[in-house]
N, C-alpha and C. Protein backbone atom coordinates (compact mmCIF):
# COMPACT_ATOMS: atom_id res chain seq x y z
N MET A 1 94.90 120.13 110.06
CA MET A 1 94.68 118.78 109.57
C MET A 1 94.37 117.89 110.79
N ASP A 2 93.21 117.26 110.76
CA ASP A 2 92.79 116.38 111.85
C ASP A 2 92.99 114.91 111.53
N SER A 3 93.09 114.58 110.24
CA SER A 3 93.24 113.19 109.81
C SER A 3 94.20 113.13 108.64
N VAL A 4 94.75 111.95 108.43
CA VAL A 4 95.48 111.65 107.21
C VAL A 4 94.72 110.53 106.51
N PHE A 5 94.99 110.37 105.22
CA PHE A 5 94.28 109.38 104.42
C PHE A 5 95.31 108.41 103.87
N VAL A 6 95.14 107.16 104.23
CA VAL A 6 96.10 106.11 103.89
C VAL A 6 95.55 105.31 102.71
N LEU A 7 96.38 105.16 101.68
CA LEU A 7 96.00 104.42 100.49
C LEU A 7 96.75 103.10 100.46
N HIS A 8 96.00 102.01 100.42
CA HIS A 8 96.55 100.67 100.26
C HIS A 8 96.03 100.06 98.97
N HIS A 9 96.78 99.12 98.45
CA HIS A 9 96.26 98.26 97.39
C HIS A 9 96.30 96.85 97.94
N VAL A 10 95.14 96.17 97.91
CA VAL A 10 95.02 94.82 98.45
C VAL A 10 94.49 93.91 97.36
N ARG A 11 95.15 92.77 97.21
CA ARG A 11 94.64 91.75 96.30
C ARG A 11 94.70 90.42 97.01
N THR A 12 93.77 89.55 96.70
CA THR A 12 93.74 88.23 97.30
C THR A 12 94.45 87.26 96.37
N ASP A 13 95.38 86.54 96.95
CA ASP A 13 96.16 85.55 96.21
C ASP A 13 95.77 84.17 96.75
N ASP A 14 95.44 83.25 95.86
CA ASP A 14 95.02 81.92 96.28
C ASP A 14 96.09 81.19 97.09
N GLU A 15 97.34 81.44 96.79
CA GLU A 15 98.42 80.74 97.49
C GLU A 15 98.80 81.40 98.82
N TYR A 16 98.81 82.74 98.86
CA TYR A 16 99.32 83.45 100.03
C TYR A 16 98.27 84.25 100.80
N GLY A 17 97.04 84.30 100.35
CA GLY A 17 96.02 85.10 101.01
C GLY A 17 96.09 86.54 100.54
N ASP A 18 95.79 87.47 101.44
CA ASP A 18 95.81 88.89 101.07
C ASP A 18 97.23 89.41 100.94
N ASP A 19 97.45 90.18 99.89
CA ASP A 19 98.72 90.83 99.63
C ASP A 19 98.44 92.33 99.65
N ALA A 20 98.85 93.00 100.73
CA ALA A 20 98.56 94.43 100.89
C ALA A 20 99.83 95.25 100.70
N LYS A 21 99.69 96.35 99.97
CA LYS A 21 100.80 97.28 99.75
C LYS A 21 100.37 98.66 100.23
N LEU A 22 101.21 99.28 101.04
CA LEU A 22 100.99 100.66 101.43
C LEU A 22 101.45 101.53 100.27
N ILE A 23 100.53 102.27 99.67
CA ILE A 23 100.86 103.13 98.54
C ILE A 23 101.33 104.50 99.03
N GLY A 24 100.60 105.07 99.99
CA GLY A 24 101.00 106.39 100.48
C GLY A 24 100.07 106.92 101.55
N VAL A 25 100.49 108.02 102.16
CA VAL A 25 99.72 108.72 103.18
C VAL A 25 99.54 110.15 102.69
N TYR A 26 98.30 110.64 102.70
CA TYR A 26 97.96 111.91 102.05
C TYR A 26 97.22 112.82 103.02
N PRO A 27 97.31 114.13 102.81
CA PRO A 27 96.66 115.09 103.72
C PRO A 27 95.16 115.24 103.49
N SER A 28 94.64 114.70 102.38
CA SER A 28 93.20 114.82 102.10
C SER A 28 92.73 113.60 101.33
N TYR A 29 91.42 113.36 101.39
CA TYR A 29 90.84 112.27 100.62
C TYR A 29 91.07 112.51 99.13
N GLU A 30 90.93 113.76 98.71
CA GLU A 30 91.10 114.10 97.29
C GLU A 30 92.50 113.76 96.79
N ALA A 31 93.51 114.01 97.61
CA ALA A 31 94.88 113.70 97.21
C ALA A 31 95.08 112.19 97.09
N ALA A 32 94.50 111.42 98.00
CA ALA A 32 94.58 109.96 97.91
C ALA A 32 93.84 109.45 96.68
N ALA A 33 92.66 110.01 96.41
CA ALA A 33 91.88 109.61 95.24
C ALA A 33 92.62 109.95 93.95
N ALA A 34 93.36 111.05 93.93
CA ALA A 34 94.14 111.41 92.75
C ALA A 34 95.23 110.37 92.50
N ALA A 35 95.82 109.83 93.57
CA ALA A 35 96.82 108.77 93.40
C ALA A 35 96.18 107.53 92.79
N VAL A 36 94.96 107.23 93.18
CA VAL A 36 94.26 106.07 92.60
C VAL A 36 94.09 106.25 91.10
N THR A 37 93.88 107.46 90.63
CA THR A 37 93.72 107.69 89.19
C THR A 37 95.05 107.60 88.44
N ARG A 38 96.18 107.81 89.15
CA ARG A 38 97.49 107.74 88.50
C ARG A 38 98.03 106.32 88.38
N LEU A 39 97.59 105.39 89.23
CA LEU A 39 98.27 104.10 89.35
C LEU A 39 97.73 102.94 88.53
N PRO A 40 96.48 102.93 88.09
CA PRO A 40 95.96 101.72 87.43
C PRO A 40 96.69 101.29 86.17
N ASP A 41 97.46 102.15 85.53
CA ASP A 41 98.20 101.77 84.33
C ASP A 41 99.56 101.15 84.64
N GLN A 42 99.91 101.05 85.92
CA GLN A 42 101.20 100.50 86.31
C GLN A 42 101.13 98.97 86.38
N PRO A 43 102.26 98.28 86.13
CA PRO A 43 102.26 96.82 86.18
C PRO A 43 101.71 96.29 87.51
N GLY A 44 100.94 95.25 87.41
CA GLY A 44 100.33 94.63 88.59
C GLY A 44 99.01 95.28 88.96
N PHE A 45 98.99 96.60 89.04
CA PHE A 45 97.74 97.29 89.38
C PHE A 45 96.70 97.11 88.29
N TRP A 46 97.14 97.05 87.01
CA TRP A 46 96.17 96.93 85.93
C TRP A 46 95.44 95.58 85.98
N ASP A 47 96.06 94.58 86.61
CA ASP A 47 95.39 93.29 86.75
C ASP A 47 94.40 93.27 87.92
N HIS A 48 94.51 94.23 88.81
CA HIS A 48 93.67 94.28 90.02
C HIS A 48 93.22 95.72 90.28
N PRO A 49 92.47 96.31 89.37
CA PRO A 49 92.12 97.73 89.50
C PRO A 49 91.17 98.04 90.66
N SER A 50 90.47 97.04 91.18
CA SER A 50 89.52 97.32 92.26
C SER A 50 90.13 97.15 93.64
N GLY A 51 91.45 96.96 93.73
CA GLY A 51 92.09 96.70 95.01
C GLY A 51 92.47 97.91 95.83
N PHE A 52 92.19 99.12 95.35
CA PHE A 52 92.59 100.32 96.08
C PHE A 52 91.62 100.62 97.23
N GLN A 53 92.19 100.95 98.39
CA GLN A 53 91.39 101.27 99.57
C GLN A 53 91.94 102.54 100.21
N ILE A 54 91.05 103.48 100.49
CA ILE A 54 91.43 104.72 101.17
C ILE A 54 90.77 104.70 102.54
N ASP A 55 91.57 104.89 103.59
CA ASP A 55 91.05 104.92 104.96
C ASP A 55 91.52 106.20 105.65
N ALA A 56 90.61 106.82 106.39
CA ALA A 56 90.95 108.01 107.17
C ALA A 56 91.45 107.58 108.54
N TYR A 57 92.54 108.19 108.99
CA TYR A 57 93.09 107.94 110.31
C TYR A 57 93.22 109.26 111.05
N PRO A 58 92.42 109.46 112.11
CA PRO A 58 92.57 110.67 112.92
C PRO A 58 93.96 110.71 113.55
N LEU A 59 94.54 111.89 113.60
CA LEU A 59 95.86 112.07 114.20
C LEU A 59 95.78 112.03 115.72
N ASP A 60 96.90 111.73 116.36
CA ASP A 60 97.05 111.71 117.81
C ASP A 60 96.12 110.71 118.50
N GLN A 61 95.88 109.57 117.84
CA GLN A 61 95.10 108.49 118.43
C GLN A 61 95.81 107.17 118.19
N ASP A 62 95.65 106.26 119.14
CA ASP A 62 96.13 104.90 118.93
C ASP A 62 95.11 104.18 118.06
N HIS A 63 95.59 103.48 117.05
CA HIS A 63 94.67 102.80 116.14
C HIS A 63 94.74 101.29 116.26
N TRP A 64 95.62 100.79 117.11
CA TRP A 64 95.66 99.36 117.40
C TRP A 64 96.05 99.25 118.87
N ALA A 65 95.07 99.37 119.74
CA ALA A 65 95.33 99.45 121.17
C ALA A 65 94.99 98.17 121.93
N GLU A 66 94.45 97.16 121.24
CA GLU A 66 94.00 95.97 121.94
C GLU A 66 95.04 94.86 122.02
N GLY A 67 96.26 95.10 121.59
CA GLY A 67 97.30 94.08 121.65
C GLY A 67 97.13 93.06 120.53
N PHE A 68 97.90 91.96 120.62
CA PHE A 68 97.83 90.91 119.62
C PHE A 68 98.32 89.60 120.22
N VAL A 69 98.05 88.52 119.54
CA VAL A 69 98.54 87.21 119.96
C VAL A 69 99.37 86.62 118.82
N SER A 70 100.29 85.74 119.17
CA SER A 70 101.07 85.02 118.18
C SER A 70 100.52 83.61 118.05
N VAL A 71 100.41 83.14 116.82
CA VAL A 71 99.95 81.79 116.57
C VAL A 71 101.13 80.98 116.07
N LEU A 72 101.43 79.92 116.78
CA LEU A 72 102.56 79.07 116.40
C LEU A 72 102.08 77.94 115.51
N ALA A 73 102.87 77.63 114.50
CA ALA A 73 102.54 76.53 113.59
C ALA A 73 102.78 75.20 114.31
N LEU A 74 101.91 74.25 114.06
CA LEU A 74 102.08 72.92 114.63
C LEU A 74 103.11 72.14 113.82
N GLU A 75 103.98 71.44 114.51
CA GLU A 75 104.97 70.61 113.82
C GLU A 75 104.33 69.26 113.50
N GLU A 76 104.66 68.74 112.35
CA GLU A 76 104.12 67.44 111.94
C GLU A 76 105.04 66.32 112.33
């Protein structure tokens, strides 16, 4: 196995922006796609059936290597 397949469900909420849920990590694209076929009848998912995303992640690699910055809220 050279990669794993990560399944997320993402929906955009007007109040909070993107709401992402990690559904699972699978050994093949087919296994992740099978999960997509099992979930649309579950509460919440049926309202947002197009929110499923499958991404391949090669093993033994850094996938966020550029660091990050923190943004502080301005006080009023």
